[in-house]
PDB file of N, CA and C in Angstrom:
ATOM      1  N   UNK A   1      18.754  32.256 -64.316  1.00  0.00           N
ATOM      2  CA  UNK A   1      17.415  31.327 -64.469  1.00  0.00           C
ATOM      3  C   UNK A   1      17.765  30.183 -64.087  1.00  0.00           C
ATOM      4  N   UNK A   2      19.170  29.728 -64.267  1.00  0.00           N
ATOM      5  CA  UNK A   2      19.353  28.471 -63.322  1.00  0.00           C
ATOM      6  C   UNK A   2      19.744  28.379 -62.141  1.00  0.00           C
ATOM      7  N   UNK A   3      20.075  29.112 -61.278  1.00  0.00           N
ATOM      8  CA  UNK A   3      19.886  29.341 -59.985  1.00  0.00           C
ATOM      9  C   UNK A   3      18.969  29.740 -59.424  1.00  0.00           C
ATOM     10  N   UNK A   4      17.699  30.167 -59.929  1.00  0.00           N
ATOM     11  CA  UNK A   4      16.465  29.766 -59.528  1.00  0.00           C
ATOM     12  C   UNK A   4      15.610  28.752 -59.608  1.00  0.00           C
ATOM     13  N   UNK A   5      16.312  27.926 -60.491  1.00  0.00           N
ATOM     14  CA  UNK A   5      15.324  26.379 -60.631  1.00  0.00           C
ATOM     15  C   UNK A   5      15.834  25.574 -59.737  1.00  0.00           C
ATOM     16  N   UNK A   6      17.331  25.376 -59.492  1.00  0.00           N
ATOM     17  CA  UNK A   6      17.919  24.861 -58.782  1.00  0.00           C
ATOM     18  C   UNK A   6      18.114  25.432 -57.335  1.00  0.00           C
ATOM     19  N   UNK A   7      17.537  26.609 -57.076  1.00  0.00           N
ATOM     20  CA  UNK A   7      17.316  26.885 -55.711  1.00  0.00           C
ATOM     21  C   UNK A   7      15.801  26.167 -55.329  1.00  0.00           C
ATOM     22  N   UNK A   8      15.002  26.199 -56.364  1.00  0.00           N
ATOM     23  CA  UNK A   8      13.354  25.738 -56.218  1.00  0.00           C
ATOM     24  C   UNK A   8      13.540  24.280 -56.260  1.00  0.00           C
ATOM     25  N   UNK A   9      14.444  23.813 -56.709  1.00  0.00           N
ATOM     26  CA  UNK A   9      14.472  22.131 -57.116  1.00  0.00           C
ATOM     27  C   UNK A   9      14.938  21.915 -55.679  1.00  0.00           C
ATOM     28  N   UNK A  10      16.094  22.276 -55.076  1.00  0.00           N
ATOM     29  CA  UNK A  10      16.797  21.832 -53.636  1.00  0.00           C
ATOM     30  C   UNK A  10      15.549  22.307 -53.038  1.00  0.00           C
ATOM     31  N   UNK A  11      14.944  23.240 -52.715  1.00  0.00           N
ATOM     32  CA  UNK A  11      14.003  23.746 -51.628  1.00  0.00           C
ATOM     33  C   UNK A  11      12.862  22.296 -51.459  1.00  0.00           C
ATOM     34  N   UNK A  12      12.419  22.214 -53.092  1.00  0.00           N
ATOM     35  CA  UNK A  12      11.324  21.044 -52.795  1.00  0.00           C
ATOM     36  C   UNK A  12      12.104  19.826 -52.436  1.00  0.00           C
ATOM     37  N   UNK A  13      13.301  19.012 -52.692  1.00  0.00           N
ATOM     38  CA  UNK A  13      13.931  18.206 -52.084  1.00  0.00           C
ATOM     39  C   UNK A  13      14.330  18.052 -50.529  1.00  0.00           C
ATOM     40  N   UNK A  14      14.125  19.063 -50.067  1.00  0.00           N
ATOM     41  CA  UNK A  14      14.416  19.507 -48.440  1.00  0.00           C
ATOM     42  C   UNK A  14      13.289  19.315 -47.534  1.00  0.00           C
ATOM     43  N   UNK A  15      12.290  19.647 -48.774  1.00  0.00           N
ATOM     44  CA  UNK A  15      11.139  19.959 -47.767  1.00  0.00           C
ATOM     45  C   UNK A  15      10.313  18.523 -48.237  1.00  0.00           C
ATOM     46  N   UNK A  16      10.313  17.776 -48.889  1.00  0.00           N
ATOM     47  CA  UNK A  16      10.164  16.105 -48.784  1.00  0.00           C
ATOM     48  C   UNK A  16      10.821  15.580 -47.922  1.00  0.00           C
ATOM     49  N   UNK A  17      12.328  15.641 -47.529  1.00  0.00           N
ATOM     50  CA  UNK A  17      13.221  14.587 -46.996  1.00  0.00           C
ATOM     51  C   UNK A  17      12.304  15.294 -45.225  1.00  0.00           C
ATOM     52  N   UNK A  18      12.070  16.489 -44.736  1.00  0.00           N
ATOM     53  CA  UNK A  18      12.000  17.409 -43.840  1.00  0.00           C
ATOM     54  C   UNK A  18      10.441  16.248 -43.368  1.00  0.00           C
ATOM     55  N   UNK A  19       9.637  16.153 -44.533  1.00  0.00           N
ATOM     56  CA  UNK A  19       8.110  15.659 -44.425  1.00  0.00           C
ATOM     57  C   UNK A  19       8.180  14.015 -43.993  1.00  0.00           C
ATOM     58  N   UNK A  20       9.211  13.441 -44.272  1.00  0.00           N
ATOM     59  CA  UNK A  20       9.197  12.030 -44.489  1.00  0.00           C
ATOM     60  C   UNK A  20       9.919  12.142 -43.162  1.00  0.00           C
ATOM     61  N   UNK A  21      10.509  12.737 -42.722  1.00  0.00           N
ATOM     62  CA  UNK A  21      11.378  12.110 -41.114  1.00  0.00           C
ATOM     63  C   UNK A  21      10.214  12.636 -40.404  1.00  0.00           C
ATOM     64  N   UNK A  22       9.290  13.105 -40.674  1.00  0.00           N
ATOM     65  CA  UNK A  22       8.203  14.090 -39.006  1.00  0.00           C
ATOM     66  C   UNK A  22       7.211  12.756 -39.558  1.00  0.00           C
ATOM     67  N   UNK A  23       6.736  12.002 -40.739  1.00  0.00           N
ATOM     68  CA  UNK A  23       6.235  10.981 -40.754  1.00  0.00           C
ATOM     69  C   UNK A  23       6.801   9.681 -39.982  1.00  0.00           C
ATOM     70  N   UNK A  24       7.932   9.597 -40.282  1.00  0.00           N
ATOM     71  CA  UNK A  24       8.676   8.257 -39.565  1.00  0.00           C
ATOM     72  C   UNK A  24       8.736   8.546 -37.889  1.00  0.00           C
ATOM     73  N   UNK A  25       8.811   9.404 -37.446  1.00  0.00           N
ATOM     74  CA  UNK A  25       8.747   9.976 -36.109  1.00  0.00           C
ATOM     75  C   UNK A  25       7.372   9.550 -35.271  1.00  0.00           C
ATOM     76  N   UNK A  26       6.382   9.772 -35.924  1.00  0.00           N
ATOM     77  CA  UNK A  26       4.997   9.281 -36.038  1.00  0.00           C
ATOM     78  C   UNK A  26       4.609   8.223 -35.874  1.00  0.00           C
ATOM     79  N   UNK A  27       5.303   7.217 -36.660  1.00  0.00           N
ATOM     80  CA  UNK A  27       5.348   5.885 -36.710  1.00  0.00           C
ATOM     81  C   UNK A  27       5.642   5.363 -35.369  1.00  0.00           C
ATOM     82  N   UNK A  28       7.026   5.600 -35.167  1.00  0.00           N
ATOM     83  CA  UNK A  28       7.814   5.144 -33.843  1.00  0.00           C
ATOM     84  C   UNK A  28       6.671   5.108 -32.799  1.00  0.00           C
ATOM     85  N   UNK A  29       6.184   3.803 -32.046  1.00  0.00           N
ATOM     86  CA  UNK A  29       5.818   3.731 -30.872  1.00  0.00           C
ATOM     87  C   UNK A  29       6.330   4.552 -29.888  1.00  0.00           C
ATOM     88  N   UNK A  30       5.941   4.669 -28.459  1.00  0.00           N
ATOM     89  CA  UNK A  30       6.528   5.303 -27.399  1.00  0.00           C
ATOM     90  C   UNK A  30       7.267   4.051 -26.868  1.00  0.00           C
ATOM     91  N   UNK A  31       8.290   4.396 -26.031  1.00  0.00           N
ATOM     92  CA  UNK A  31       8.706   3.575 -25.567  1.00  0.00           C
ATOM     93  C   UNK A  31       8.133   2.954 -24.311  1.00  0.00           C
ATOM     94  N   UNK A  32       8.324   1.327 -23.887  1.00  0.00           N
ATOM     95  CA  UNK A  32       7.541   0.970 -22.903  1.00  0.00           C
ATOM     96  C   UNK A  32       8.133   1.823 -21.614  1.00  0.00           C
ATOM     97  N   UNK A  33       6.739   2.105 -20.889  1.00  0.00           N
ATOM     98  CA  UNK A  33       7.106   2.200 -19.158  1.00  0.00           C
ATOM     99  C   UNK A  33       7.031   1.065 -18.378  1.00  0.00           C
ATOM    100  N   UNK A  34       7.972   1.399 -17.665  1.00  0.00           N
ATOM    101  CA  UNK A  34       8.157   0.059 -16.245  1.00  0.00           C
ATOM    102  C   UNK A  34       7.897   0.674 -15.179  1.00  0.00           C
ATOM    103  N   UNK A  35       7.436   0.329 -14.105  1.00  0.00           N
ATOM    104  CA  UNK A  35       7.159   0.783 -12.914  1.00  0.00           C
ATOM    105  C   UNK A  35       7.582  -0.427 -11.546  1.00  0.00           C
ATOM    106  N   UNK A  36       8.154  -0.388 -10.948  1.00  0.00           N
ATOM    107  CA  UNK A  36       8.420  -1.948 -10.103  1.00  0.00           C
ATOM    108  C   UNK A  36       8.460  -1.215  -8.845  1.00  0.00           C
ATOM    109  N   UNK A  37       7.614  -2.133  -8.077  1.00  0.00           N
ATOM    110  CA  UNK A  37       7.396  -1.490  -6.516  1.00  0.00           C
ATOM    111  C   UNK A  37       6.357  -2.690  -5.774  1.00  0.00           C
ATOM    112  N   UNK A  38       6.236  -2.536  -4.288  1.00  0.00           N
ATOM    113  CA  UNK A  38       5.418  -3.270  -3.468  1.00  0.00           C
ATOM    114  C   UNK A  38       3.920  -2.833  -4.021  1.00  0.00           C
ATOM    115  N   UNK A  39       3.005  -3.995  -4.114  1.00  0.00           N
ATOM    116  CA  UNK A  39       1.491  -3.786  -4.390  1.00  0.00           C
ATOM    117  C   UNK A  39       0.886  -3.604  -2.983  1.00  0.00           C
ATOM    118  N   UNK A  40       0.405  -2.008  -2.514  1.00  0.00           N
ATOM    119  CA  UNK A  40       0.067  -1.604  -1.639  1.00  0.00           C
ATOM    120  C   UNK A  40      -1.823  -1.447  -1.605  1.00  0.00           C
ATOM    121  N   UNK A  41      -2.440  -1.199  -2.692  1.00  0.00           N
ATOM    122  CA  UNK A  41      -4.065  -1.289  -2.640  1.00  0.00           C
ATOM    123  C   UNK A  41      -4.055  -2.339  -4.251  1.00  0.00           C
ATOM    124  N   UNK A  42      -5.162  -3.047  -4.039  1.00  0.00           N
ATOM    125  CA  UNK A  42      -5.529  -3.784  -5.132  1.00  0.00           C
ATOM    126  C   UNK A  42      -6.926  -3.759  -4.803  1.00  0.00           C
ATOM    127  N   UNK A  43      -7.318  -3.058  -6.347  1.00  0.00           N
ATOM    128  CA  UNK A  43      -9.455  -3.394  -6.335  1.00  0.00           C
ATOM    129  C   UNK A  43      -9.265  -3.784  -7.789  1.00  0.00           C
ATOM    130  N   UNK A  44     -10.473  -4.173  -8.122  1.00  0.00           N
ATOM    131  CA  UNK A  44     -10.829  -4.455  -9.267  1.00  0.00           C
ATOM    132  C   UNK A  44     -10.558  -3.867 -10.850  1.00  0.00           C
ATOM    133  N   UNK A  45     -10.554  -2.469 -10.261  1.00  0.00           N
ATOM    134  CA  UNK A  45     -10.336  -1.297 -11.514  1.00  0.00           C
ATOM    135  C   UNK A  45      -8.929  -0.354 -11.151  1.00  0.00           C
ATOM    136  N   UNK A  46      -8.212  -0.801 -10.481  1.00  0.00           N
ATOM    137  CA  UNK A  46      -7.134   0.100 -10.049  1.00  0.00           C
ATOM    138  C   UNK A  46      -5.990  -1.000  -9.305  1.00  0.00           C
ATOM    139  N   UNK A  47      -4.478  -0.524  -9.428  1.00  0.00           N
ATOM    140  CA  UNK A  47      -3.682  -1.119  -8.674  1.00  0.00           C
ATOM    141  C   UNK A  47      -2.719   0.305  -8.057  1.00  0.00           C
ATOM    142  N   UNK A  48      -2.463   0.210  -6.963  1.00  0.00           N
ATOM    143  CA  UNK A  48      -1.754   1.205  -6.250  1.00  0.00           C
ATOM    144  C   UNK A  48      -0.126   0.637  -5.712  1.00  0.00           C
ATOM    145  N   UNK A  49       1.095   1.214  -6.604  1.00  0.00           N
ATOM    146  CA  UNK A  49       2.158   0.353  -6.422  1.00  0.00           C
ATOM    147  C   UNK A  49       2.994   1.615  -5.484  1.00  0.00           C
ATOM    148  N   UNK A  50       3.577   1.313  -4.857  1.00  0.00           N
ATOM    149  CA  UNK A  50       4.854   2.202  -3.881  1.00  0.00           C
ATOM    150  C   UNK A  50       5.912   1.621  -3.839  1.00  0.00           C
ATOM    151  N   UNK A  51       7.267   2.262  -4.422  1.00  0.00           N
ATOM    152  CA  UNK A  51       8.691   2.101  -4.089  1.00  0.00           C
ATOM    153  C   UNK A  51       9.358   3.065  -3.664  1.00  0.00           C
ATOM    154  N   UNK A  52      10.578   2.941  -3.178  1.00  0.00           N
ATOM    155  CA  UNK A  52      11.442   3.835  -2.822  1.00  0.00           C
ATOM    156  C   UNK A  52      12.621   3.970  -3.190  1.00  0.00           C
ATOM    157  N   UNK A  53      13.336   4.875  -3.645  1.00  0.00           N
ATOM    158  CA  UNK A  53      14.412   5.387  -4.403  1.00  0.00           C
ATOM    159  C   UNK A  53      15.073   6.294  -3.935  1.00  0.00           C
ATOM    160  N   UNK A  54      16.394   6.149  -3.290  1.00  0.00           N
ATOM    161  CA  UNK A  54      17.058   7.086  -3.028  1.00  0.00           C
ATOM    162  C   UNK A  54      16.366   7.686  -1.812  1.00  0.00           C
ATOM    163  N   UNK A  55      15.770   7.077  -0.825  1.00  0.00           N
ATOM    164  CA  UNK A  55      15.457   7.754   0.503  1.00  0.00           C
ATOM    165  C   UNK A  55      13.989   8.365   0.010  1.00  0.00           C
ATOM    166  N   UNK A  56      13.682   8.627  -1.256  1.00  0.00           N
ATOM    167  CA  UNK A  56      12.442   9.226  -1.605  1.00  0.00           C
ATOM    168  C   UNK A  56      11.271   8.127  -1.889  1.00  0.00           C
ATOM    169  N   UNK A  57       9.795   8.179  -0.952  1.00  0.00           N
ATOM    170  CA  UNK A  57       9.131   7.176  -1.559  1.00  0.00           C
ATOM    171  C   UNK A  57       7.951   7.881  -2.606  1.00  0.00           C
ATOM    172  N   UNK A  58       7.860   6.597  -3.276  1.00  0.00           N
ATOM    173  CA  UNK A  58       6.864   7.115  -4.503  1.00  0.00           C
ATOM    174  C   UNK A  58       5.498   6.402  -4.712  1.00  0.00           C
ATOM    175  N   UNK A  59       4.581   6.943  -4.831  1.00  0.00           N
ATOM    176  CA  UNK A  59       3.748   5.824  -5.310  1.00  0.00           C
ATOM    177  C   UNK A  59       2.756   5.827  -6.766  1.00  0.00           C
ATOM    178  N   UNK A  60       2.149   4.856  -7.523  1.00  0.00           N
ATOM    179  CA  UNK A  60       1.794   5.345  -8.372  1.00  0.00           C
ATOM    180  C   UNK A  60       0.599   4.496  -8.738  1.00  0.00           C
ATOM    181  N   UNK A  61      -0.156   4.915  -9.440  1.00  0.00           N
ATOM    182  CA  UNK A  61      -1.832   4.220  -9.241  1.00  0.00           C
ATOM    183  C   UNK A  61      -1.998   3.800 -10.851  1.00  0.00           C
ATOM    184  N   UNK A  62      -2.347   2.963 -11.216  1.00  0.00           N
ATOM    185  CA  UNK A  62      -2.745   2.508 -12.416  1.00  0.00           C
ATOM    186  C   UNK A  62      -3.775   1.808 -12.686  1.00  0.00           C
ATOM    187  N   UNK A  63      -4.653   2.316 -13.563  1.00  0.00           N
ATOM    188  CA  UNK A  63      -5.653   1.756 -14.015  1.00  0.00           C
ATOM    189  C   UNK A  63      -5.900   0.029 -14.662  1.00  0.00           C
ATOM    190  N   UNK A  64      -6.557  -0.620 -14.587  1.00  0.00           N
ATOM    191  CA  UNK A  64      -6.604  -1.557 -14.679  1.00  0.00           C
ATOM    192  C   UNK A  64      -8.024  -2.179 -15.309  1.00  0.00           C
ATOM    193  N   UNK A  65      -7.657  -2.604 -16.914  1.00  0.00           N
ATOM    194  CA  UNK A  65      -9.182  -3.120 -17.491  1.00  0.00           C
ATOM    195  C   UNK A  65      -9.143  -4.455 -18.235  1.00  0.00           C
ATOM    196  N   UNK A  66      -9.764  -4.914 -19.078  1.00  0.00           N
ATOM    197  CA  UNK A  66      -9.765  -6.182 -19.512  1.00  0.00           C
ATOM    198  C   UNK A  66      -8.356  -6.759 -20.198  1.00  0.00           C
ATOM    199  N   UNK A  67      -8.086  -5.908 -20.877  1.00  0.00           N
ATOM    200  CA  UNK A  67      -6.772  -6.215 -21.544  1.00  0.00           C
ATOM    201  C   UNK A  67      -5.479  -6.302 -20.789  1.00  0.00           C
ATOM    202  N   UNK A  68      -5.284  -6.083 -19.372  1.00  0.00           N
ATOM    203  CA  UNK A  68      -4.516  -6.171 -18.491  1.00  0.00           C
ATOM    204  C   UNK A  68      -4.114  -7.780 -18.216  1.00  0.00           C
ATOM    205  N   UNK A  69      -2.827  -8.172 -18.904  1.00  0.00           N
ATOM    206  CA  UNK A  69      -2.487  -9.026 -18.515  1.00  0.00           C
ATOM    207  C   UNK A  69      -1.264  -9.592 -17.215  1.00  0.00           C
ATOM    208  N   UNK A  70      -1.819 -10.269 -16.298  1.00  0.00           N
ATOM    209  CA  UNK A  70      -1.044 -10.760 -15.259  1.00  0.00           C
ATOM    210  C   UNK A  70      -0.314 -12.089 -15.068  1.00  0.00           C
ATOM    211  N   UNK A  71       0.949 -11.889 -15.113  1.00  0.00           N
ATOM    212  CA  UNK A  71       2.022 -13.024 -15.141  1.00  0.00           C
ATOM    213  C   UNK A  71       2.600 -13.737 -13.887  1.00  0.00           C
ATOM    214  N   UNK A  72       2.823 -14.252 -13.707  1.00  0.00           N
ATOM    215  CA  UNK A  72       3.430 -15.134 -12.296  1.00  0.00           C
ATOM    216  C   UNK A  72       2.835 -15.558 -10.718  1.00  0.00           C
ATOM    217  N   UNK A  73       1.256 -15.584 -11.190  1.00  0.00           N
ATOM    218  CA  UNK A  73       0.482 -15.769 -10.122  1.00  0.00           C
ATOM    219  C   UNK A  73      -0.707 -14.714 -10.011  1.00  0.00           C
ATOM    220  N   UNK A  74      -1.222 -14.874  -8.484  1.00  0.00           N
ATOM    221  CA  UNK A  74      -1.814 -13.941  -8.152  1.00  0.00           C
ATOM    222  C   UNK A  74      -1.719 -12.630  -7.520  1.00  0.00           C
ATOM    223  N   UNK A  75      -2.326 -11.538  -7.768  1.00  0.00           N
ATOM    224  CA  UNK A  75      -1.648 -10.376  -6.848  1.00  0.00           C
ATOM    225  C   UNK A  75      -2.404 -10.415  -5.534  1.00  0.00           C
ATOM    226  N   UNK A  76      -1.600 -10.048  -4.705  1.00  0.00           N
ATOM    227  CA  UNK A  76      -1.553 -10.108  -3.050  1.00  0.00           C
ATOM    228  C   UNK A  76      -0.715  -8.601  -2.736  1.00  0.00           C
ATOM    229  N   UNK A  77      -1.497  -8.370  -1.680  1.00  0.00           N
ATOM    230  CA  UNK A  77      -0.724  -7.293  -0.876  1.00  0.00           C
ATOM    231  C   UNK A  77       0.657  -7.471  -0.407  1.00  0.00           C
ATOM    232  N   UNK A  78       1.658  -6.440  -0.854  1.00  0.00           N
ATOM    233  CA  UNK A  78       3.305  -6.548  -0.157  1.00  0.00           C
ATOM    234  C   UNK A  78       4.081  -7.168  -1.402  1.00  0.00           C
ATOM    235  N   UNK A  79       3.475  -7.766  -2.601  1.00  0.00           N
ATOM    236  CA  UNK A  79       4.122  -8.613  -3.274  1.00  0.00           C
ATOM    237  C   UNK A  79       4.772  -7.538  -4.039  1.00  0.00           C
ATOM    238  N   UNK A  80       5.973  -7.987  -4.786  1.00  0.00           N
ATOM    239  CA  UNK A  80       6.745  -7.170  -5.624  1.00  0.00           C
ATOM    240  C   UNK A  80       6.650  -7.304  -6.957  1.00  0.00           C
ATOM    241  N   UNK A  81       6.210  -6.103  -7.499  1.00  0.00           N
ATOM    242  CA  UNK A  81       5.402  -6.207  -8.575  1.00  0.00           C
ATOM    243  C   UNK A  81       6.418  -5.687  -9.823  1.00  0.00           C
ATOM    244  N   UNK A  82       6.116  -5.277 -11.004  1.00  0.00           N
ATOM    245  CA  UNK A  82       6.598  -4.834 -12.194  1.00  0.00           C
ATOM    246  C   UNK A  82       5.466  -4.456 -13.198  1.00  0.00           C
ATOM    247  N   UNK A  83       4.937  -3.175 -13.357  1.00  0.00           N
ATOM    248  CA  UNK A  83       3.898  -3.000 -14.235  1.00  0.00           C
ATOM    249  C   UNK A  83       4.289  -2.405 -14.993  1.00  0.00           C
ATOM    250  N   UNK A  84       4.130  -2.725 -16.692  1.00  0.00           N
ATOM    251  CA  UNK A  84       4.498  -1.925 -17.942  1.00  0.00           C
ATOM    252  C   UNK A  84       2.723  -1.227 -18.418  1.00  0.00           C
ATOM    253  N   UNK A  85       2.759  -0.087 -18.519  1.00  0.00           N
ATOM    254  CA  UNK A  85       2.060   0.751 -18.743  1.00  0.00           C
ATOM    255  C   UNK A  85       2.147   1.598 -19.473  1.00  0.00           C
ATOM    256  N   UNK A  86       1.075   2.108 -20.362  1.00  0.00           N
ATOM    257  CA  UNK A  86       0.705   3.268 -20.838  1.00  0.00           C
ATOM    258  C   UNK A  86       0.318   4.567 -20.301  1.00  0.00           C
ATOM    259  N   UNK A  87       0.817   5.593 -20.941  1.00  0.00           N
ATOM    260  CA  UNK A  87      -0.021   6.939 -19.854  1.00  0.00           C
ATOM    261  C   UNK A  87      -0.972   7.444 -21.067  1.00  0.00           C
ATOM    262  N   UNK A  88      -2.155   7.872 -19.976  1.00  0.00           N
ATOM    263  CA  UNK A  88      -2.719   8.405 -20.984  1.00  0.00           C
ATOM    264  C   UNK A  88      -2.902  10.124 -20.443  1.00  0.00           C
ATOM    265  N   UNK A  89      -4.116  10.615 -20.768  1.00  0.00           N
ATOM    266  CA  UNK A  89      -4.205  12.011 -20.261  1.00  0.00           C
ATOM    267  C   UNK A  89      -4.156  12.420 -18.869  1.00  0.00           C
ATOM    268  N   UNK A  90      -5.007  11.704 -18.224  1.00  0.00           N
ATOM    269  CA  UNK A  90      -5.078  11.774 -16.868  1.00  0.00           C
ATOM    270  C   UNK A  90      -4.671  10.362 -15.903  1.00  0.00           C
ATOM    271  N   UNK A  91      -4.499   9.098 -16.354  1.00  0.00           N
ATOM    272  CA  UNK A  91      -4.344   7.723 -15.225  1.00  0.00           C
ATOM    273  C   UNK A  91      -3.363   7.239 -16.150  1.00  0.00           C
ATOM    274  N   UNK A  92      -2.307   6.422 -15.471  1.00  0.00           N
ATOM    275  CA  UNK A  92      -1.556   5.471 -16.225  1.00  0.00           C
ATOM    276  C   UNK A  92      -2.500   4.016 -16.246  1.00  0.00           C
ATOM    277  N   UNK A  93      -2.631   3.916 -17.329  1.00  0.00           N
ATOM    278  CA  UNK A  93      -2.973   2.463 -17.828  1.00  0.00           C
ATOM    279  C   UNK A  93      -2.275   1.021 -17.622  1.00  0.00           C
ATOM    280  N   UNK A  94      -2.276   0.302 -16.829  1.00  0.00           N
ATOM    281  CA  UNK A  94      -1.638  -1.408 -16.929  1.00  0.00           C
ATOM    282  C   UNK A  94      -1.638  -2.179 -17.769  1.00  0.00           C
ATOM    283  N   UNK A  95      -0.625  -2.654 -18.923  1.00  0.00           N
ATOM    284  CA  UNK A  95      -0.781  -3.503 -19.892  1.00  0.00           C
ATOM    285  C   UNK A  95      -0.309  -4.736 -19.167  1.00  0.00           C
ATOM    286  N   UNK A  96       0.280  -4.665 -18.783  1.00  0.00           N
ATOM    287  CA  UNK A  96       1.120  -6.106 -18.308  1.00  0.00           C
ATOM    288  C   UNK A  96       1.679  -5.523 -16.481  1.00  0.00           C
ATOM    289  N   UNK A  97       1.025  -7.195 -16.081  1.00  0.00           N
ATOM    290  CA  UNK A  97       1.731  -7.107 -14.380  1.00  0.00           C
ATOM    291  C   UNK A  97       2.546  -8.353 -14.231  1.00  0.00           C
ATOM    292  N   UNK A  98       3.590  -8.302 -13.981  1.00  0.00           N
ATOM    293  CA  UNK A  98       4.403  -9.289 -13.651  1.00  0.00           C
ATOM    294  C   UNK A  98       4.770  -9.140 -12.424  1.00  0.00           C
ATOM    295  N   UNK A  99       4.399 -10.683 -11.336  1.00  0.00           N
ATOM    296  CA  UNK A  99       4.685 -10.778 -10.241  1.00  0.00           C
ATOM    297  C   UNK A  99       5.877 -11.086  -9.594  1.00  0.00           C
ATOM    298  N   UNK A 100       6.640 -10.650  -9.069  1.00  0.00           N
ATOM    299  CA  UNK A 100       8.155 -11.285  -8.988  1.00  0.00           C
ATOM    300  C   UNK A 100       8.386 -12.094  -7.949  1.00  0.00           C
ATOM    301  N   UNK A 101       9.087 -13.148  -8.233  1.00  0.00           N
ATOM    302  CA  UNK A 101       9.215 -14.427  -6.737  1.00  0.00           C
ATOM    303  C   UNK A 101       9.911 -13.528  -5.189  1.00  0.00           C
ATOM    304  N   UNK A 102       9.146 -13.921  -4.400  1.00  0.00           N
ATOM    305  CA  UNK A 102       9.670 -13.888  -3.214  1.00  0.00           C
ATOM    306  C   UNK A 102      11.284 -14.098  -2.671  1.00  0.00           C
ATOM    307  N   UNK A 103      11.864 -13.282  -2.282  1.00  0.00           N
ATOM    308  CA  UNK A 103      13.319 -13.060  -2.430  1.00  0.00           C
ATOM    309  C   UNK A 103      13.543 -13.942  -0.647  1.00  0.00           C
ATOM    310  N   UNK A 104      14.360 -15.030  -0.590  1.00  0.00           N
ATOM    311  CA  UNK A 104      14.607 -15.859   0.101  1.00  0.00           C
ATOM    312  C   UNK A 104      15.299 -15.567   1.074  1.00  0.00           C
ATOM    313  N   UNK A 105      14.805 -15.930   2.249  1.00  0.00           N
ATOM    314  CA  UNK A 105      15.277 -15.155   3.676  1.00  0.00           C
ATOM    315  C   UNK A 105      16.532 -16.063   4.375  1.00  0.00           C
ATOM    316  N   UNK A 106      17.534 -15.418   4.628  1.00  0.00           N
ATOM    317  CA  UNK A 106      18.450 -16.645   5.074  1.00  0.00           C
ATOM    318  C   UNK A 106      18.453 -16.848   6.751  1.00  0.00           C
TER     319      UNK A 106
END
């Protein structure tokens, strides 16, 4: 009888612990996503950014909305930018666009 009681008590405690762990995992926000590259297309509703890593070119399109913030100046073609974004079902939405200063040529 005591073994059944202890077994059911242990099972109940473990189920509560597992449930608490699942709830904590859902409350954590996703990691910030960043993409740095050169601005190749700028329209009122989206940005297209290109970069080259290890000889491979990668282009990404980010949706822009009223909540998107731009820091560091005005968006211009061929400017180096970093985009902080959130991933959606079909598109990535830009949250913050940081314009990097131009490198000085010697």
